[in-house]
Amino acid sequence: MSEKKHKQELITLMDDIMSEIALKPLHQKNKLLLYSRYLLSKLSWHFTVTTLSKTWVSKNMDSVVNKYVRKWLEIPISGTLSNVYLTSNKFGLNIYPPSIKFAQCQTVARNALKTSANHSIKDLWKTTSESKNIQYDVYTSTKEVLKTFTSGQEDKLQNHLILQGYFFSNVIKFSLSKLNGIWSIKIPIKPPKEHL
């Protein structure tokens, strides 16, 4: 199968399953469970044997999933999905995008080459591991892929909160005191006559 045809098949498969899940009269959490347990499992084989890039998966598949997750959870476009992708013990929903499943599958495939009993296969791994395009040899397991992803999401959320704190503290520090002074001059606040 050509790469173009394989990409089209993956997009069609994902669109069909996601739209079918969306039409089901289920609670949003159950829709997310179907996504994470059914759709990602269906994509696993494709992700293991394919020659796709993670960039393509992120651009073409993550965006579709993010659109449905936003719709199901009623998250506005300006809202972040970082908290959704956290683990349950960090108050997330314990789901992850297709690009992370892709990284896990590629890690499994690279590990299979590395630990093969066949010396030719090991030589293939050795030869390809020197390439800068192979990004999955840094992971020792699929759990490490998830841990790296969730750690990145936690850092992203922490940075958002820090920046929001800076913004609001600066608004309070610089603007409110000046505005309060201006407002009190322009709009004198007098209690209604019945309270006097």
C-alpha atoms as a PDB file:
ATOM      1  CA  MET A   1       0.000   0.000   0.000  1.00  0.00           C
ATOM      2  CA  SER A   2       1.357   3.426  -0.911  1.00  0.00           C
ATOM      3  CA  GLU A   3       1.993   6.000   1.784  1.00  0.00           C
ATOM      4  CA  LYS A   4      -0.614   8.359   0.339  1.00  0.00           C
ATOM      5  CA  LYS A   5      -3.256   5.623   0.336  1.00  0.00           C
ATOM      6  CA  HIS A   6      -2.304   4.574   3.867  1.00  0.00           C
ATOM      7  CA  LYS A   7      -2.643   8.169   5.099  1.00  0.00           C
ATOM      8  CA  GLN A   8      -6.052   8.462   3.461  1.00  0.00           C
ATOM      9  CA  GLU A   9      -7.161   5.166   5.003  1.00  0.00           C
ATOM     10  CA  LEU A  10      -6.067   6.343   8.467  1.00  0.00           C
ATOM     11  CA  ILE A  11      -7.890   9.665   8.149  1.00  0.00           C
ATOM     12  CA  THR A  12     -11.043   7.945   6.889  1.00  0.00           C
ATOM     13  CA  LEU A  13     -10.920   5.336   9.671  1.00  0.00           C
ATOM     14  CA  MET A  14     -10.475   7.972  12.335  1.00  0.00           C
ATOM     15  CA  ASP A  15     -13.156  10.305  10.943  1.00  0.00           C
ATOM     16  CA  ASP A  16     -15.667   7.449  10.669  1.00  0.00           C
ATOM     17  CA  ILE A  17     -15.087   6.196  14.207  1.00  0.00           C
ATOM     18  CA  MET A  18     -14.989   9.666  15.808  1.00  0.00           C
ATOM     19  CA  SER A  19     -18.199  10.765  14.077  1.00  0.00           C
ATOM     20  CA  GLU A  20     -19.867   7.473  15.069  1.00  0.00           C
ATOM     21  CA  ILE A  21     -18.818   7.990  18.693  1.00  0.00           C
ATOM     22  CA  ALA A  22     -20.078  11.578  18.561  1.00  0.00           C
ATOM     23  CA  LEU A  23     -23.527  10.444  17.390  1.00  0.00           C
ATOM     24  CA  LYS A  24     -23.975   7.945  20.219  1.00  0.00           C
ATOM     25  CA  PRO A  25     -26.276   9.109  23.049  1.00  0.00           C
ATOM     26  CA  LEU A  26     -23.541   8.620  25.641  1.00  0.00           C
ATOM     27  CA  HIS A  27     -22.152  10.728  28.435  1.00  0.00           C
ATOM     28  CA  GLN A  28     -19.026  12.665  27.426  1.00  0.00           C
ATOM     29  CA  LYS A  29     -16.792  10.590  29.667  1.00  0.00           C
ATOM     30  CA  ASN A  30     -17.978   7.401  27.948  1.00  0.00           C
ATOM     31  CA  LYS A  31     -17.265   8.949  24.564  1.00  0.00           C
ATOM     32  CA  LEU A  32     -13.719   9.672  25.717  1.00  0.00           C
ATOM     33  CA  LEU A  33     -13.388   6.082  26.939  1.00  0.00           C
ATOM     34  CA  LEU A  34     -14.489   4.795  23.530  1.00  0.00           C
ATOM     35  CA  TYR A  35     -11.946   7.055  21.888  1.00  0.00           C
ATOM     36  CA  SER A  36      -9.063   5.984  24.122  1.00  0.00           C
ATOM     37  CA  ARG A  37      -9.857   2.284  24.288  1.00  0.00           C
ATOM     38  CA  TYR A  38     -11.326   1.595  20.865  1.00  0.00           C
ATOM     39  CA  LEU A  39     -10.026   4.111  18.345  1.00  0.00           C
ATOM     40  CA  LEU A  40      -6.455   4.229  19.618  1.00  0.00           C
ATOM     41  CA  SER A  41      -6.374   0.415  19.634  1.00  0.00           C
ATOM     42  CA  LYS A  42      -7.583   0.352  16.022  1.00  0.00           C
ATOM     43  CA  LEU A  43      -4.834   2.779  15.051  1.00  0.00           C
ATOM     44  CA  SER A  44      -2.060   0.870  16.859  1.00  0.00           C
ATOM     45  CA  TRP A  45      -1.331  -1.596  14.081  1.00  0.00           C
ATOM     46  CA  HIS A  46      -1.211   1.151  11.462  1.00  0.00           C
ATOM     47  CA  PHE A  47       1.111   3.205  13.639  1.00  0.00           C
ATOM     48  CA  THR A  48       3.446   0.266  14.203  1.00  0.00           C
ATOM     49  CA  VAL A  49       3.960  -0.739  10.569  1.00  0.00           C
ATOM     50  CA  THR A  50       3.777   2.649   8.868  1.00  0.00           C
ATOM     51  CA  THR A  51       6.462   5.038   7.711  1.00  0.00           C
ATOM     52  CA  LEU A  52       4.506   8.159   8.681  1.00  0.00           C
ATOM     53  CA  SER A  53       6.093  11.018  10.563  1.00  0.00           C
ATOM     54  CA  LYS A  54       4.960  12.174  13.977  1.00  0.00           C
ATOM     55  CA  THR A  55       4.514  15.657  12.535  1.00  0.00           C
ATOM     56  CA  TRP A  56       1.976  14.373  10.025  1.00  0.00           C
ATOM     57  CA  VAL A  57       0.087  12.489  12.747  1.00  0.00           C
ATOM     58  CA  SER A  58       0.073  15.580  14.986  1.00  0.00           C
ATOM     59  CA  LYS A  59      -1.073  17.886  12.216  1.00  0.00           C
ATOM     60  CA  ASN A  60      -3.726  15.674  10.634  1.00  0.00           C
ATOM     61  CA  MET A  61      -4.988  13.440  13.430  1.00  0.00           C
ATOM     62  CA  ASP A  62      -4.457  15.279  16.719  1.00  0.00           C
ATOM     63  CA  SER A  63      -6.349  18.287  15.429  1.00  0.00           C
ATOM     64  CA  VAL A  64      -9.401  16.154  14.595  1.00  0.00           C
ATOM     65  CA  VAL A  65      -9.357  14.507  18.020  1.00  0.00           C
ATOM     66  CA  ASN A  66      -8.898  17.879  19.737  1.00  0.00           C
ATOM     67  CA  LYS A  67     -11.935  19.223  17.867  1.00  0.00           C
ATOM     68  CA  TYR A  68     -14.133  16.374  19.129  1.00  0.00           C
ATOM     69  CA  VAL A  69     -12.763  16.544  22.682  1.00  0.00           C
ATOM     70  CA  ARG A  70     -13.489  20.284  22.784  1.00  0.00           C
ATOM     71  CA  LYS A  71     -17.006  19.661  21.494  1.00  0.00           C
ATOM     72  CA  TRP A  72     -17.763  16.840  23.932  1.00  0.00           C
ATOM     73  CA  LEU A  73     -16.375  18.667  26.964  1.00  0.00           C
ATOM     74  CA  GLU A  74     -17.632  22.082  25.821  1.00  0.00           C
ATOM     75  CA  ILE A  75     -14.155  23.616  25.988  1.00  0.00           C
ATOM     76  CA  PRO A  76     -13.899  26.882  24.050  1.00  0.00           C
ATOM     77  CA  ILE A  77     -11.295  27.277  21.338  1.00  0.00           C
ATOM     78  CA  SER A  78      -9.341  29.609  23.627  1.00  0.00           C
ATOM     79  CA  GLY A  79      -9.254  26.980  26.390  1.00  0.00           C
ATOM     80  CA  THR A  80      -6.299  24.656  26.866  1.00  0.00           C
ATOM     81  CA  LEU A  81      -6.520  20.885  26.591  1.00  0.00           C
ATOM     82  CA  SER A  82      -3.434  20.360  28.757  1.00  0.00           C
ATOM     83  CA  ASN A  83      -5.513  19.526  31.823  1.00  0.00           C
ATOM     84  CA  VAL A  84      -7.582  16.995  29.842  1.00  0.00           C
ATOM     85  CA  TYR A  85      -4.411  15.120  28.898  1.00  0.00           C
ATOM     86  CA  LEU A  86      -3.223  14.789  32.492  1.00  0.00           C
ATOM     87  CA  THR A  87      -3.505  11.534  34.406  1.00  0.00           C
ATOM     88  CA  SER A  88      -6.440  10.882  36.739  1.00  0.00           C
ATOM     89  CA  ASN A  89      -4.393  11.421  39.881  1.00  0.00           C
ATOM     90  CA  LYS A  90      -3.522  14.921  38.572  1.00  0.00           C
ATOM     91  CA  PHE A  91      -7.239  15.624  37.944  1.00  0.00           C
ATOM     92  CA  GLY A  92      -7.033  14.923  34.218  1.00  0.00           C
ATOM     93  CA  LEU A  93      -9.068  12.527  32.103  1.00  0.00           C
ATOM     94  CA  ASN A  94      -6.192  10.133  31.407  1.00  0.00           C
ATOM     95  CA  ILE A  95      -6.432  10.311  27.621  1.00  0.00           C
ATOM     96  CA  TYR A  96      -3.791  11.232  25.068  1.00  0.00           C
ATOM     97  CA  PRO A  97      -3.712  12.273  21.417  1.00  0.00           C
ATOM     98  CA  PRO A  98      -2.946   9.935  18.480  1.00  0.00           C
ATOM     99  CA  SER A  99       0.590  11.335  18.139  1.00  0.00           C
ATOM    100  CA  ILE A 100       1.481   9.887  21.549  1.00  0.00           C
ATOM    101  CA  LYS A 101       0.040   6.502  20.585  1.00  0.00           C
ATOM    102  CA  PHE A 102       2.124   6.770  17.408  1.00  0.00           C
ATOM    103  CA  ALA A 103       5.279   7.426  19.468  1.00  0.00           C
ATOM    104  CA  GLN A 104       4.460   4.426  21.665  1.00  0.00           C
ATOM    105  CA  CYS A 105       3.979   2.150  18.652  1.00  0.00           C
ATOM    106  CA  GLN A 106       7.195   3.339  17.035  1.00  0.00           C
ATOM    107  CA  THR A 107       9.013   2.747  20.333  1.00  0.00           C
ATOM    108  CA  VAL A 108       7.716  -0.838  20.375  1.00  0.00           C
ATOM    109  CA  ALA A 109       8.794  -1.369  16.753  1.00  0.00           C
ATOM    110  CA  ARG A 110      12.280   0.075  17.361  1.00  0.00           C
ATOM    111  CA  ASN A 111      12.650  -1.996  20.533  1.00  0.00           C
ATOM    112  CA  ALA A 112      11.672  -5.137  18.595  1.00  0.00           C
ATOM    113  CA  LEU A 113      14.476  -4.433  16.120  1.00  0.00           C
ATOM    114  CA  LYS A 114      16.961  -3.729  18.899  1.00  0.00           C
ATOM    115  CA  THR A 115      16.221  -6.886  20.899  1.00  0.00           C
ATOM    116  CA  SER A 116      15.737  -9.265  17.974  1.00  0.00           C
ATOM    117  CA  ALA A 117      17.516 -12.619  18.078  1.00  0.00           C
ATOM    118  CA  ASN A 118      18.350 -12.229  14.387  1.00  0.00           C
ATOM    119  CA  HIS A 119      21.725 -10.483  13.967  1.00  0.00           C
ATOM    120  CA  SER A 120      20.723  -8.961  10.625  1.00  0.00           C
ATOM    121  CA  ILE A 121      17.769  -7.256  12.278  1.00  0.00           C
ATOM    122  CA  LYS A 122      20.004  -5.972  15.085  1.00  0.00           C
ATOM    123  CA  ASP A 123      22.401  -4.624  12.461  1.00  0.00           C
ATOM    124  CA  LEU A 124      19.452  -2.900  10.793  1.00  0.00           C
ATOM    125  CA  TRP A 125      18.584  -1.255  14.110  1.00  0.00           C
ATOM    126  CA  LYS A 126      22.225  -0.222  14.623  1.00  0.00           C
ATOM    127  CA  THR A 127      22.447   1.306  11.174  1.00  0.00           C
ATOM    128  CA  THR A 128      19.192   3.197  11.454  1.00  0.00           C
ATOM    129  CA  SER A 129      19.775   4.336  15.052  1.00  0.00           C
ATOM    130  CA  GLU A 130      22.556   6.640  13.845  1.00  0.00           C
ATOM    131  CA  SER A 131      20.025   8.613  11.770  1.00  0.00           C
ATOM    132  CA  LYS A 132      18.820  11.923  13.167  1.00  0.00           C
ATOM    133  CA  ASN A 133      15.296  11.154  11.910  1.00  0.00           C
ATOM    134  CA  ILE A 134      14.823   8.265  14.353  1.00  0.00           C
ATOM    135  CA  GLN A 135      13.379   9.903  17.461  1.00  0.00           C
ATOM    136  CA  TYR A 136      12.062   6.890  19.321  1.00  0.00           C
ATOM    137  CA  ASP A 137      15.272   5.211  20.483  1.00  0.00           C
ATOM    138  CA  VAL A 138      15.450   7.628  23.419  1.00  0.00           C
ATOM    139  CA  TYR A 139      12.483   5.855  25.020  1.00  0.00           C
ATOM    140  CA  THR A 140      12.973   2.537  26.751  1.00  0.00           C
ATOM    141  CA  SER A 141       9.269   1.748  27.114  1.00  0.00           C
ATOM    142  CA  THR A 142       5.802   2.959  26.196  1.00  0.00           C
ATOM    143  CA  LYS A 143       5.325   4.135  29.786  1.00  0.00           C
ATOM    144  CA  GLU A 144       8.269   6.461  29.364  1.00  0.00           C
ATOM    145  CA  VAL A 145       6.570   8.008  26.309  1.00  0.00           C
ATOM    146  CA  LEU A 146       3.449   8.693  28.395  1.00  0.00           C
ATOM    147  CA  LYS A 147       5.483  10.008  31.305  1.00  0.00           C
ATOM    148  CA  THR A 148       7.330  12.449  29.027  1.00  0.00           C
ATOM    149  CA  PHE A 149       4.047  13.599  27.485  1.00  0.00           C
ATOM    150  CA  THR A 150       2.220  14.137  30.788  1.00  0.00           C
ATOM    151  CA  SER A 151       5.271  15.883  32.232  1.00  0.00           C
ATOM    152  CA  GLY A 152       5.190  18.265  29.259  1.00  0.00           C
ATOM    153  CA  GLN A 153       1.470  18.915  29.809  1.00  0.00           C
ATOM    154  CA  GLU A 154       2.073  19.630  33.510  1.00  0.00           C
ATOM    155  CA  ASP A 155       4.862  22.075  32.636  1.00  0.00           C
ATOM    156  CA  LYS A 156       2.617  23.773  30.073  1.00  0.00           C
ATOM    157  CA  LEU A 157      -0.167  24.193  32.649  1.00  0.00           C
ATOM    158  CA  GLN A 158       2.227  25.472  35.282  1.00  0.00           C
ATOM    159  CA  ASN A 159       3.596  28.070  32.845  1.00  0.00           C
ATOM    160  CA  HIS A 160       0.043  29.152  31.945  1.00  0.00           C
ATOM    161  CA  LEU A 161      -0.800  29.665  35.607  1.00  0.00           C
ATOM    162  CA  ILE A 162       2.425  31.576  36.291  1.00  0.00           C
ATOM    163  CA  LEU A 163       1.830  33.866  33.311  1.00  0.00           C
ATOM    164  CA  GLN A 164      -1.785  34.449  34.351  1.00  0.00           C
ATOM    165  CA  GLY A 165      -0.599  35.314  37.840  1.00  0.00           C
ATOM    166  CA  TYR A 166       1.918  37.836  36.457  1.00  0.00           C
ATOM    167  CA  PHE A 167      -0.740  39.378  34.270  1.00  0.00           C
ATOM    168  CA  PHE A 168      -3.309  39.827  37.023  1.00  0.00           C
ATOM    169  CA  SER A 169      -0.786  41.004  39.603  1.00  0.00           C
ATOM    170  CA  ASN A 170       0.442  43.652  37.139  1.00  0.00           C
ATOM    171  CA  VAL A 171      -3.122  44.734  36.366  1.00  0.00           C
ATOM    172  CA  ILE A 172      -3.814  45.122  40.058  1.00  0.00           C
ATOM    173  CA  LYS A 173      -0.465  46.759  40.764  1.00  0.00           C
ATOM    174  CA  PHE A 174      -0.439  49.341  37.976  1.00  0.00           C
ATOM    175  CA  SER A 175      -3.951  49.870  36.734  1.00  0.00           C
ATOM    176  CA  LEU A 176      -6.467  49.517  39.504  1.00  0.00           C
ATOM    177  CA  SER A 177      -5.054  52.124  41.850  1.00  0.00           C
ATOM    178  CA  LYS A 178      -4.866  54.719  39.047  1.00  0.00           C
ATOM    179  CA  LEU A 179      -8.307  53.796  37.716  1.00  0.00           C
ATOM    180  CA  ASN A 180      -9.850  53.959  41.160  1.00  0.00           C
ATOM    181  CA  GLY A 181      -8.455  57.466  41.573  1.00  0.00           C
ATOM    182  CA  ILE A 182      -9.785  58.561  38.185  1.00  0.00           C
ATOM    183  CA  TRP A 183     -13.195  56.950  38.713  1.00  0.00           C
ATOM    184  CA  SER A 184     -13.662  58.528  42.129  1.00  0.00           C
ATOM    185  CA  ILE A 185     -12.995  61.991  40.647  1.00  0.00           C
ATOM    186  CA  LYS A 186     -15.190  61.543  37.556  1.00  0.00           C
ATOM    187  CA  ILE A 187     -18.009  59.560  39.111  1.00  0.00           C
ATOM    188  CA  PRO A 188     -18.584  60.597  42.709  1.00  0.00           C
ATOM    189  CA  ILE A 189     -20.205  57.773  44.586  1.00  0.00           C
ATOM    190  CA  LYS A 190     -23.030  59.109  46.725  1.00  0.00           C
ATOM    191  CA  PRO A 191     -25.408  56.877  48.601  1.00  0.00           C
ATOM    192  CA  PRO A 192     -29.065  57.135  47.629  1.00  0.00           C
ATOM    193  CA  LYS A 193     -31.102  59.701  49.631  1.00  0.00           C
ATOM    194  CA  GLU A 194     -33.250  57.072  51.325  1.00  0.00           C
ATOM    195  CA  HIS A 195     -30.120  55.639  53.027  1.00  0.00           C
ATOM    196  CA  LEU A 196     -29.089  58.991  54.551  1.00  0.00           C
END
